[in-house]
Amino acid sequence: LHEVSKLIPNCELVTIDDAGHFVHDDNNPVYLAKVKT
């Protein structure tokens, strides 16, 4: 994901530590906060 974020010109990478592959299920409040920002 870090490699991808470096290849896309205008890209931000955010990692939500206490979440697995289904990030929006595992930590919905933090996920939504990042998306809304």
Full PDB file with SEQRES, HELIX, SHEET, SSBOND, CRYST1, ORIGX, SCALE, CONECT and MASTER records, all heavy atoms in Angstrom:
SEQRES   1 A   37  LEU HIS GLU VAL SER LYS LEU ILE PRO ASN CYS GLU LEU          
SEQRES   2 A   37  VAL THR ILE ASP ASP ALA GLY HIS PHE VAL HIS ASP ASP          
SEQRES   3 A   37  ASN ASN PRO VAL TYR LEU ALA LYS VAL LYS THR                  
HELIX    1 AA1 HIS A    2  LEU A    7  1                                   6    
HELIX    2 AA2 VAL A   23  ASP A   26  1                                   4    
HELIX    3 AA3 ASN A   28  LYS A   36  1                                   9    
CRYST1    1.000    1.000    1.000  90.00  90.00  90.00 P 1           1          
ORIGX1      1.000000  0.000000  0.000000        0.00000                         
ORIGX2      0.000000  1.000000  0.000000        0.00000                         
ORIGX3      0.000000  0.000000  1.000000        0.00000                         
SCALE1      1.000000  0.000000  0.000000        0.00000                         
SCALE2      0.000000  1.000000  0.000000        0.00000                         
SCALE3      0.000000  0.000000  1.000000        0.00000                         
ATOM      1  N   LEU A   1       0.845  -1.201   0.000  1.00  0.00           N  
ATOM      2  CA  LEU A   1       0.000   0.000   0.000  1.00  0.00           C  
ATOM      3  C   LEU A   1       0.878   1.248   0.000  1.00  0.00           C  
ATOM      4  O   LEU A   1       0.565   2.243  -0.663  1.00  0.00           O  
ATOM      5  CB  LEU A   1      -0.938   0.009   1.216  1.00  0.00           C  
ATOM      6  CG  LEU A   1      -1.903  -1.172   1.371  1.00  0.00           C  
ATOM      7  CD1 LEU A   1      -2.830  -0.932   2.562  1.00  0.00           C  
ATOM      8  CD2 LEU A   1      -2.712  -1.394   0.102  1.00  0.00           C  
ATOM      9  N   HIS A   2       1.980   1.174   0.733  1.00  0.00           N  
ATOM     10  CA  HIS A   2       2.922   2.293   0.769  1.00  0.00           C  
ATOM     11  C   HIS A   2       3.511   2.527  -0.626  1.00  0.00           C  
ATOM     12  O   HIS A   2       3.619   3.679  -1.079  1.00  0.00           O  
ATOM     13  CB  HIS A   2       4.040   2.005   1.775  1.00  0.00           C  
ATOM     14  CG  HIS A   2       5.039   3.108   1.909  1.00  0.00           C  
ATOM     15  ND1 HIS A   2       4.766   4.300   2.559  1.00  0.00           N  
ATOM     16  CD2 HIS A   2       6.311   3.230   1.428  1.00  0.00           C  
ATOM     17  CE1 HIS A   2       5.821   5.087   2.498  1.00  0.00           C  
ATOM     18  NE2 HIS A   2       6.771   4.462   1.814  1.00  0.00           N  
ATOM     19  N   GLU A   3       3.863   1.456  -1.318  1.00  0.00           N  
ATOM     20  CA  GLU A   3       4.399   1.584  -2.680  1.00  0.00           C  
ATOM     21  C   GLU A   3       3.386   2.246  -3.606  1.00  0.00           C  
ATOM     22  O   GLU A   3       3.738   3.127  -4.407  1.00  0.00           O  
ATOM     23  CB  GLU A   3       4.773   0.206  -3.237  1.00  0.00           C  
ATOM     24  CG  GLU A   3       6.027  -0.403  -2.634  1.00  0.00           C  
ATOM     25  CD  GLU A   3       6.323  -1.777  -3.232  1.00  0.00           C  
ATOM     26  OE1 GLU A   3       6.060  -1.981  -4.439  1.00  0.00           O  
ATOM     27  OE2 GLU A   3       6.816  -2.647  -2.486  1.00  0.00           O  
ATOM     28  N   VAL A   4       2.127   1.815  -3.505  1.00  0.00           N  
ATOM     29  CA  VAL A   4       1.073   2.409  -4.341  1.00  0.00           C  
ATOM     30  C   VAL A   4       0.941   3.901  -4.058  1.00  0.00           C  
ATOM     31  O   VAL A   4       0.838   4.718  -4.981  1.00  0.00           O  
ATOM     32  CB  VAL A   4      -0.283   1.702  -4.101  1.00  0.00           C  
ATOM     33  CG1 VAL A   4      -1.401   2.409  -4.860  1.00  0.00           C  
ATOM     34  CG2 VAL A   4      -0.214   0.246  -4.520  1.00  0.00           C  
ATOM     35  N   SER A   5       0.977   4.243  -2.779  1.00  0.00           N  
ATOM     36  CA  SER A   5       0.783   5.654  -2.400  1.00  0.00           C  
ATOM     37  C   SER A   5       1.889   6.545  -2.941  1.00  0.00           C  
ATOM     38  O   SER A   5       1.694   7.750  -3.129  1.00  0.00           O  
ATOM     39  CB  SER A   5       0.683   5.792  -0.878  1.00  0.00           C  
ATOM     40  OG  SER A   5       1.948   5.587  -0.259  1.00  0.00           O  
ATOM     41  N   LYS A   6       3.067   5.977  -3.190  1.00  0.00           N  
ATOM     42  CA  LYS A   6       4.181   6.745  -3.757  1.00  0.00           C  
ATOM     43  C   LYS A   6       4.060   6.887  -5.272  1.00  0.00           C  
ATOM     44  O   LYS A   6       4.637   7.802  -5.861  1.00  0.00           O  
ATOM     45  CB  LYS A   6       5.524   6.081  -3.408  1.00  0.00           C  
ATOM     46  CG  LYS A   6       5.836   6.089  -1.916  1.00  0.00           C  
ATOM     47  CD  LYS A   6       5.878   7.502  -1.356  1.00  0.00           C  
ATOM     48  CE  LYS A   6       6.192   7.533   0.118  1.00  0.00           C  
ATOM     49  NZ  LYS A   6       6.023   8.892   0.696  1.00  0.00           N  
ATOM     50  N   LEU A   7       3.338   5.965  -5.914  1.00  0.00           N  
ATOM     51  CA  LEU A   7       3.202   5.985  -7.366  1.00  0.00           C  
ATOM     52  C   LEU A   7       2.044   6.852  -7.854  1.00  0.00           C  
ATOM     53  O   LEU A   7       2.080   7.377  -8.967  1.00  0.00           O  
ATOM     54  CB  LEU A   7       3.033   4.551  -7.895  1.00  0.00           C  
ATOM     55  CG  LEU A   7       4.266   3.648  -7.725  1.00  0.00           C  
ATOM     56  CD1 LEU A   7       3.915   2.194  -8.011  1.00  0.00           C  
ATOM     57  CD2 LEU A   7       5.392   4.111  -8.651  1.00  0.00           C  
ATOM     58  N   ILE A   8       1.013   6.996  -7.034  1.00  0.00           N  
ATOM     59  CA  ILE A   8      -0.108   7.874  -7.378  1.00  0.00           C  
ATOM     60  C   ILE A   8       0.276   9.298  -6.966  1.00  0.00           C  
ATOM     61  O   ILE A   8       0.613   9.534  -5.803  1.00  0.00           O  
ATOM     62  CB  ILE A   8      -1.399   7.416  -6.676  1.00  0.00           C  
ATOM     63  CG1 ILE A   8      -1.801   6.017  -7.158  1.00  0.00           C  
ATOM     64  CG2 ILE A   8      -2.536   8.402  -6.928  1.00  0.00           C  
ATOM     65  CD1 ILE A   8      -2.989   5.423  -6.430  1.00  0.00           C  
ATOM     66  N   PRO A   9       0.244  10.247  -7.901  1.00  0.00           N  
ATOM     67  CA  PRO A   9       0.796  11.582  -7.613  1.00  0.00           C  
ATOM     68  C   PRO A   9       0.214  12.300  -6.395  1.00  0.00           C  
ATOM     69  O   PRO A   9       0.943  12.926  -5.640  1.00  0.00           O  
ATOM     70  CB  PRO A   9       0.482  12.355  -8.904  1.00  0.00           C  
ATOM     71  CG  PRO A   9       0.386  11.305  -9.965  1.00  0.00           C  
ATOM     72  CD  PRO A   9      -0.186  10.097  -9.294  1.00  0.00           C  
ATOM     73  N   ASN A  10      -1.106  12.212  -6.200  1.00  0.00           N  
ATOM     74  CA  ASN A  10      -1.754  12.980  -5.129  1.00  0.00           C  
ATOM     75  C   ASN A  10      -2.459  12.010  -4.188  1.00  0.00           C  
ATOM     76  O   ASN A  10      -3.674  11.872  -4.207  1.00  0.00           O  
ATOM     77  CB  ASN A  10      -2.741  13.979  -5.737  1.00  0.00           C  
ATOM     78  CG  ASN A  10      -3.367  14.891  -4.701  1.00  0.00           C  
ATOM     79  OD1 ASN A  10      -3.023  14.846  -3.524  1.00  0.00           O  
ATOM     80  ND2 ASN A  10      -4.304  15.715  -5.131  1.00  0.00           N  
ATOM     81  N   CYS A  11      -1.650  11.302  -3.391  1.00  0.00           N  
ATOM     82  CA  CYS A  11      -2.190  10.182  -2.616  1.00  0.00           C  
ATOM     83  C   CYS A  11      -1.769  10.257  -1.154  1.00  0.00           C  
ATOM     84  O   CYS A  11      -0.615  10.562  -0.842  1.00  0.00           O  
ATOM     85  CB  CYS A  11      -1.716   8.866  -3.221  1.00  0.00           C  
ATOM     86  SG  CYS A  11      -2.432   7.403  -2.437  1.00  0.00           S  
ATOM     87  N   GLU A  12      -2.723   9.948  -0.292  1.00  0.00           N  
ATOM     88  CA  GLU A  12      -2.477   9.878   1.149  1.00  0.00           C  
ATOM     89  C   GLU A  12      -2.745   8.447   1.610  1.00  0.00           C  
ATOM     90  O   GLU A  12      -3.737   7.830   1.215  1.00  0.00           O  
ATOM     91  CB  GLU A  12      -3.428  10.847   1.873  1.00  0.00           C  
ATOM     92  CG  GLU A  12      -3.348  10.811   3.385  1.00  0.00           C  
ATOM     93  CD  GLU A  12      -4.445  11.653   4.049  1.00  0.00           C  
ATOM     94  OE1 GLU A  12      -5.246  12.279   3.337  1.00  0.00           O  
ATOM     95  OE2 GLU A  12      -4.480  11.643   5.293  1.00  0.00           O  
ATOM     96  N   LEU A  13      -1.848   7.918   2.438  1.00  0.00           N  
ATOM     97  CA  LEU A  13      -2.027   6.582   3.011  1.00  0.00           C  
ATOM     98  C   LEU A  13      -2.273   6.706   4.501  1.00  0.00           C  
ATOM     99  O   LEU A  13      -1.514   7.353   5.212  1.00  0.00           O  
ATOM    100  CB  LEU A  13      -0.792   5.715   2.751  1.00  0.00           C  
ATOM    101  CG  LEU A  13      -0.715   4.368   3.483  1.00  0.00           C  
ATOM    102  CD1 LEU A  13      -1.856   3.447   3.067  1.00  0.00           C  
ATOM    103  CD2 LEU A  13       0.630   3.693   3.254  1.00  0.00           C  
ATOM    104  N   VAL A  14      -3.345   6.085   4.959  1.00  0.00           N  
ATOM    105  CA  VAL A  14      -3.686   6.069   6.380  1.00  0.00           C  
ATOM    106  C   VAL A  14      -3.786   4.612   6.821  1.00  0.00           C  
ATOM    107  O   VAL A  14      -4.440   3.805   6.151  1.00  0.00           O  
ATOM    108  CB  VAL A  14      -5.037   6.786   6.635  1.00  0.00           C  
ATOM    109  CG1 VAL A  14      -5.507   6.537   8.060  1.00  0.00           C  
ATOM    110  CG2 VAL A  14      -4.922   8.275   6.363  1.00  0.00           C  
ATOM    111  N   THR A  15      -3.144   4.255   7.915  1.00  0.00           N  
ATOM    112  CA  THR A  15      -3.247   2.904   8.459  1.00  0.00           C  
ATOM    113  C   THR A  15      -4.020   2.953   9.774  1.00  0.00           C  
ATOM    114  O   THR A  15      -3.682   3.739  10.661  1.00  0.00           O  
ATOM    115  CB  THR A  15      -1.854   2.294   8.699  1.00  0.00           C  
ATOM    116  OG1 THR A  15      -1.127   2.306   7.468  1.00  0.00           O  
ATOM    117  CG2 THR A  15      -1.962   0.861   9.192  1.00  0.00           C  
ATOM    118  N   ILE A  16      -5.057   2.137   9.871  1.00  0.00           N  
ATOM    119  CA  ILE A  16      -5.831   2.034  11.113  1.00  0.00           C  
ATOM    120  C   ILE A  16      -5.363   0.757  11.810  1.00  0.00           C  
ATOM    121  O   ILE A  16      -5.670  -0.361  11.375  1.00  0.00           O  
ATOM    122  CB  ILE A  16      -7.346   2.024  10.820  1.00  0.00           C  
ATOM    123  CG1 ILE A  16      -7.733   3.345  10.119  1.00  0.00           C  
ATOM    124  CG2 ILE A  16      -8.150   1.839  12.101  1.00  0.00           C  
ATOM    125  CD1 ILE A  16      -9.187   3.439   9.717  1.00  0.00           C  
ATOM    126  N   ASP A  17      -4.595   0.936  12.868  1.00  0.00           N  
ATOM    127  CA  ASP A  17      -3.842  -0.174  13.464  1.00  0.00           C  
ATOM    128  C   ASP A  17      -4.729  -1.299  13.987  1.00  0.00           C  
ATOM    129  O   ASP A  17      -4.440  -2.468  13.769  1.00  0.00           O  
ATOM    130  CB  ASP A  17      -2.935   0.345  14.588  1.00  0.00           C  
ATOM    131  CG  ASP A  17      -1.790   1.193  14.035  1.00  0.00           C  
ATOM    132  OD1 ASP A  17      -1.340   0.895  12.906  1.00  0.00           O  
ATOM    133  OD2 ASP A  17      -1.367   2.137  14.713  1.00  0.00           O  
ATOM    134  N   ASP A  18      -5.805  -0.963  14.682  1.00  0.00           N  
ATOM    135  CA  ASP A  18      -6.620  -2.013  15.296  1.00  0.00           C  
ATOM    136  C   ASP A  18      -7.744  -2.462  14.357  1.00  0.00           C  
ATOM    137  O   ASP A  18      -8.900  -2.554  14.749  1.00  0.00           O  
ATOM    138  CB  ASP A  18      -7.176  -1.548  16.646  1.00  0.00           C  
ATOM    139  CG  ASP A  18      -7.918  -0.220  16.550  1.00  0.00           C  
ATOM    140  OD1 ASP A  18      -7.794   0.460  15.513  1.00  0.00           O  
ATOM    141  OD2 ASP A  18      -8.614   0.133  17.521  1.00  0.00           O  
ATOM    142  N   ALA A  19      -7.378  -2.727  13.111  1.00  0.00           N  
ATOM    143  CA  ALA A  19      -8.345  -3.210  12.126  1.00  0.00           C  
ATOM    144  C   ALA A  19      -7.635  -4.180  11.194  1.00  0.00           C  
ATOM    145  O   ALA A  19      -6.444  -4.052  10.916  1.00  0.00           O  
ATOM    146  CB  ALA A  19      -8.939  -2.048  11.327  1.00  0.00           C  
ATOM    147  N   GLY A  20      -8.402  -5.160  10.693  1.00  0.00           N  
ATOM    148  CA  GLY A  20      -7.876  -6.098   9.719  1.00  0.00           C  
ATOM    149  C   GLY A  20      -8.246  -5.678   8.311  1.00  0.00           C  
ATOM    150  O   GLY A  20      -8.384  -4.488   8.017  1.00  0.00           O  
ATOM    151  N   HIS A  21      -8.465  -6.664   7.442  1.00  0.00           N  
ATOM    152  CA  HIS A  21      -8.733  -6.382   6.032  1.00  0.00           C  
ATOM    153  C   HIS A  21     -10.063  -5.657   5.853  1.00  0.00           C  
ATOM    154  O   HIS A  21     -10.198  -4.809   4.965  1.00  0.00           O  
ATOM    155  CB  HIS A  21      -8.717  -7.697   5.247  1.00  0.00           C  
ATOM    156  CG  HIS A  21      -8.902  -7.535   3.775  1.00  0.00           C  
ATOM    157  ND1 HIS A  21      -8.150  -6.655   3.017  1.00  0.00           N  
ATOM    158  CD2 HIS A  21      -9.756  -8.149   2.904  1.00  0.00           C  
ATOM    159  CE1 HIS A  21      -8.527  -6.731   1.744  1.00  0.00           C  
ATOM    160  NE2 HIS A  21      -9.499  -7.630   1.661  1.00  0.00           N  
ATOM    161  N   PHE A  22     -11.052  -5.983   6.687  1.00  0.00           N  
ATOM    162  CA  PHE A  22     -12.358  -5.316   6.599  1.00  0.00           C  
ATOM    163  C   PHE A  22     -12.343  -4.108   7.538  1.00  0.00           C  
ATOM    164  O   PHE A  22     -12.977  -4.103   8.586  1.00  0.00           O  
ATOM    165  CB  PHE A  22     -13.489  -6.293   6.924  1.00  0.00           C  
ATOM    166  CG  PHE A  22     -13.734  -7.279   5.821  1.00  0.00           C  
ATOM    167  CD1 PHE A  22     -12.959  -8.424   5.696  1.00  0.00           C  
ATOM    168  CD2 PHE A  22     -14.710  -7.050   4.868  1.00  0.00           C  
ATOM    169  CE1 PHE A  22     -13.160  -9.327   4.663  1.00  0.00           C  
ATOM    170  CE2 PHE A  22     -14.931  -7.938   3.825  1.00  0.00           C  
ATOM    171  CZ  PHE A  22     -14.158  -9.084   3.721  1.00  0.00           C  
ATOM    172  N   VAL A  23     -11.611  -3.098   7.110  1.00  0.00           N  
ATOM    173  CA  VAL A  23     -11.360  -1.943   7.981  1.00  0.00           C  
ATOM    174  C   VAL A  23     -12.665  -1.266   8.369  1.00  0.00           C  
ATOM    175  O   VAL A  23     -12.866  -0.886   9.530  1.00  0.00           O  
ATOM    176  CB  VAL A  23     -10.411  -0.929   7.289  1.00  0.00           C  
ATOM    177  CG1 VAL A  23      -9.976   0.143   8.277  1.00  0.00           C  
ATOM    178  CG2 VAL A  23      -9.194  -1.624   6.701  1.00  0.00           C  
ATOM    179  N   HIS A  24     -13.573  -1.117   7.409  1.00  0.00           N  
ATOM    180  CA  HIS A  24     -14.811  -0.365   7.693  1.00  0.00           C  
ATOM    181  C   HIS A  24     -15.752  -1.126   8.623  1.00  0.00           C  
ATOM    182  O   HIS A  24     -16.655  -0.527   9.200  1.00  0.00           O  
ATOM    183  CB  HIS A  24     -15.520   0.055   6.395  1.00  0.00           C  
ATOM    184  CG  HIS A  24     -16.114  -1.080   5.603  1.00  0.00           C  
ATOM    185  ND1 HIS A  24     -15.387  -1.803   4.692  1.00  0.00           N  
ATOM    186  CD2 HIS A  24     -17.368  -1.591   5.577  1.00  0.00           C  
ATOM    187  CE1 HIS A  24     -16.174  -2.712   4.127  1.00  0.00           C  
ATOM    188  NE2 HIS A  24     -17.383  -2.612   4.654  1.00  0.00           N  
ATOM    189  N   ASP A  25     -15.525  -2.432   8.787  1.00  0.00           N  
ATOM    190  CA  ASP A  25     -16.286  -3.197   9.775  1.00  0.00           C  
ATOM    191  C   ASP A  25     -15.564  -3.222  11.123  1.00  0.00           C  
ATOM    192  O   ASP A  25     -16.186  -3.090  12.180  1.00  0.00           O  
ATOM    193  CB  ASP A  25     -16.485  -4.649   9.311  1.00  0.00           C  
ATOM    194  CG  ASP A  25     -17.474  -4.759   8.169  1.00  0.00           C  
ATOM    195  OD1 ASP A  25     -18.359  -3.894   8.064  1.00  0.00           O  
ATOM    196  OD2 ASP A  25     -17.356  -5.713   7.371  1.00  0.00           O  
ATOM    197  N   ASP A  26     -14.238  -3.389  11.080  1.00  0.00           N  
ATOM    198  CA  ASP A  26     -13.457  -3.582  12.307  1.00  0.00           C  
ATOM    199  C   ASP A  26     -13.365  -2.320  13.157  1.00  0.00           C  
ATOM    200  O   ASP A  26     -13.327  -2.394  14.386  1.00  0.00           O  
ATOM    201  CB  ASP A  26     -12.043  -4.062  11.964  1.00  0.00           C  
ATOM    202  CG  ASP A  26     -12.042  -5.447  11.328  1.00  0.00           C  
ATOM    203  OD1 ASP A  26     -13.052  -6.163  11.468  1.00  0.00           O  
ATOM    204  OD2 ASP A  26     -11.030  -5.805  10.692  1.00  0.00           O  
ATOM    205  N   ASN A  27     -13.281  -1.161  12.500  1.00  0.00           N  
ATOM    206  CA  ASN A  27     -13.215   0.103  13.249  1.00  0.00           C  
ATOM    207  C   ASN A  27     -13.948   1.178  12.465  1.00  0.00           C  
ATOM    208  O   ASN A  27     -13.343   2.089  11.897  1.00  0.00           O  
ATOM    209  CB  ASN A  27     -11.761   0.511  13.503  1.00  0.00           C  
ATOM    210  CG  ASN A  27     -11.654   1.560  14.594  1.00  0.00           C  
ATOM    211  OD1 ASN A  27     -12.569   2.352  14.805  1.00  0.00           O  
ATOM    212  ND2 ASN A  27     -10.535   1.583  15.307  1.00  0.00           N  
ATOM    213  N   ASN A  28     -15.271   1.046  12.445  1.00  0.00           N  
ATOM    214  CA  ASN A  28     -16.115   1.934  11.649  1.00  0.00           C  
ATOM    215  C   ASN A  28     -15.973   3.411  12.027  1.00  0.00           C  
ATOM    216  O   ASN A  28     -15.868   4.262  11.134  1.00  0.00           O  
ATOM    217  CB  ASN A  28     -17.574   1.476  11.751  1.00  0.00           C  
ATOM    218  CG  ASN A  28     -18.483   2.228  10.795  1.00  0.00           C  
ATOM    219  OD1 ASN A  28     -19.216   3.110  11.208  1.00  0.00           O  
ATOM    220  ND2 ASN A  28     -18.427   1.870   9.524  1.00  0.00           N  
ATOM    221  N   PRO A  29     -15.932   3.764  13.330  1.00  0.00           N  
ATOM    222  CA  PRO A  29     -15.848   5.189  13.679  1.00  0.00           C  
ATOM    223  C   PRO A  29     -14.572   5.857  13.159  1.00  0.00           C  
ATOM    224  O   PRO A  29     -14.630   6.965  12.599  1.00  0.00           O  
ATOM    225  CB  PRO A  29     -15.901   5.194  15.209  1.00  0.00           C  
ATOM    226  CG  PRO A  29     -16.579   3.914  15.575  1.00  0.00           C  
ATOM    227  CD  PRO A  29     -16.135   2.931  14.545  1.00  0.00           C  
ATOM    228  N   VAL A  30     -13.430   5.212  13.339  1.00  0.00           N  
ATOM    229  CA  VAL A  30     -12.169   5.807  12.875  1.00  0.00           C  
ATOM    230  C   VAL A  30     -12.125   5.825  11.348  1.00  0.00           C  
ATOM    231  O   VAL A  30     -11.696   6.807  10.732  1.00  0.00           O  
ATOM    232  CB  VAL A  30     -10.947   5.048  13.456  1.00  0.00           C  
ATOM    233  CG1 VAL A  30      -9.649   5.558  12.852  1.00  0.00           C  
ATOM    234  CG2 VAL A  30     -10.924   5.188  14.973  1.00  0.00           C  
ATOM    235  N   TYR A  31     -12.588   4.747  10.730  1.00  0.00           N  
ATOM    236  CA  TYR A  31     -12.649   4.677   9.267  1.00  0.00           C  
ATOM    237  C   TYR A  31     -13.453   5.856   8.714  1.00  0.00           C  
ATOM    238  O   TYR A  31     -12.998   6.570   7.807  1.00  0.00           O  
ATOM    239  CB  TYR A  31     -13.283   3.352   8.859  1.00  0.00           C  
ATOM    240  CG  TYR A  31     -13.458   3.147   7.373  1.00  0.00           C  
ATOM    241  CD1 TYR A  31     -12.457   2.548   6.613  1.00  0.00           C  
ATOM    242  CD2 TYR A  31     -14.623   3.537   6.724  1.00  0.00           C  
ATOM    243  CE1 TYR A  31     -12.617   2.338   5.245  1.00  0.00           C  
ATOM    244  CE2 TYR A  31     -14.787   3.344   5.362  1.00  0.00           C  
ATOM    245  CZ  TYR A  31     -13.782   2.740   4.631  1.00  0.00           C  
ATOM    246  OH  TYR A  31     -13.949   2.548   3.281  1.00  0.00           O  
ATOM    247  N   LEU A  32     -14.646   6.054   9.263  1.00  0.00           N  
ATOM    248  CA  LEU A  32     -15.503   7.134   8.772  1.00  0.00           C  
ATOM    249  C   LEU A  32     -14.897   8.499   9.038  1.00  0.00           C  
ATOM    250  O   LEU A  32     -15.011   9.409   8.203  1.00  0.00           O  
ATOM    251  CB  LEU A  32     -16.887   7.035   9.412  1.00  0.00           C  
ATOM    252  CG  LEU A  32     -17.809   5.995   8.775  1.00  0.00           C  
ATOM    253  CD1 LEU A  32     -19.049   5.765   9.645  1.00  0.00           C  
ATOM    254  CD2 LEU A  32     -18.223   6.431   7.375  1.00  0.00           C  
ATOM    255  N   ALA A  33     -14.227   8.650  10.154  1.00  0.00           N  
ATOM    256  CA  ALA A  33     -13.565   9.928  10.463  1.00  0.00           C  
ATOM    257  C   ALA A  33     -12.506  10.238   9.422  1.00  0.00           C  
ATOM    258  O   ALA A  33     -12.388  11.379   8.949  1.00  0.00           O  
ATOM    259  CB  ALA A  33     -12.958   9.887  11.865  1.00  0.00           C  
ATOM    260  N   LYS A  34     -11.705   9.238   9.031  1.00  0.00           N  
ATOM    261  CA  LYS A  34     -10.646   9.438   8.028  1.00  0.00           C  
ATOM    262  C   LYS A  34     -11.252   9.782   6.673  1.00  0.00           C  
ATOM    263  O   LYS A  34     -10.775  10.671   5.959  1.00  0.00           O  
ATOM    264  CB  LYS A  34      -9.778   8.181   7.894  1.00  0.00           C  
ATOM    265  CG  LYS A  34      -9.059   7.755   9.172  1.00  0.00           C  
ATOM    266  CD  LYS A  34      -8.021   8.766   9.619  1.00  0.00           C  
ATOM    267  CE  LYS A  34      -7.231   8.258  10.804  1.00  0.00           C  
ATOM    268  NZ  LYS A  34      -6.310   9.283  11.366  1.00  0.00           N  
ATOM    269  N   VAL A  35     -12.320   9.056   6.305  1.00  0.00           N  
ATOM    270  CA  VAL A  35     -12.962   9.283   5.019  1.00  0.00           C  
ATOM    271  C   VAL A  35     -13.597  10.680   4.968  1.00  0.00           C  
ATOM    272  O   VAL A  35     -13.447  11.413   3.982  1.00  0.00           O  
ATOM    273  CB  VAL A  35     -14.017   8.192   4.736  1.00  0.00           C  
ATOM    274  CG1 VAL A  35     -14.896   8.561   3.540  1.00  0.00           C  
ATOM    275  CG2 VAL A  35     -13.333   6.851   4.482  1.00  0.00           C  
ATOM    276  N   LYS A  36     -14.278  11.056   6.045  1.00  0.00           N  
ATOM    277  CA  LYS A  36     -14.946  12.368   6.059  1.00  0.00           C  
ATOM    278  C   LYS A  36     -13.929  13.520   6.018  1.00  0.00           C  
ATOM    279  O   LYS A  36     -14.162  14.534   5.366  1.00  0.00           O  
ATOM    280  CB  LYS A  36     -15.843  12.473   7.298  1.00  0.00           C  
ATOM    281  CG  LYS A  36     -17.077  11.577   7.216  1.00  0.00           C  
ATOM    282  CD  LYS A  36     -17.889  11.594   8.493  1.00  0.00           C  
ATOM    283  CE  LYS A  36     -18.681  12.888   8.624  1.00  0.00           C  
ATOM    284  NZ  LYS A  36     -19.590  12.839   9.811  1.00  0.00           N  
ATOM    285  N   THR A  37     -12.805  13.334   6.690  1.00  0.00           N  
ATOM    286  CA  THR A  37     -11.750  14.353   6.623  1.00  0.00           C  
ATOM    287  C   THR A  37     -11.245  14.501   5.185  1.00  0.00           C  
ATOM    288  O   THR A  37     -11.095  15.622   4.674  1.00  0.00           O  
ATOM    289  CB  THR A  37     -10.579  13.978   7.559  1.00  0.00           C  
ATOM    290  OG1 THR A  37     -11.061  13.947   8.893  1.00  0.00           O  
ATOM    291  CG2 THR A  37      -9.446  14.998   7.454  1.00  0.00           C  
TER     292      THR A  37                                                      
MASTER        0    0    0    3    0    0    0    6  291    1    0    3          
END                                                                             
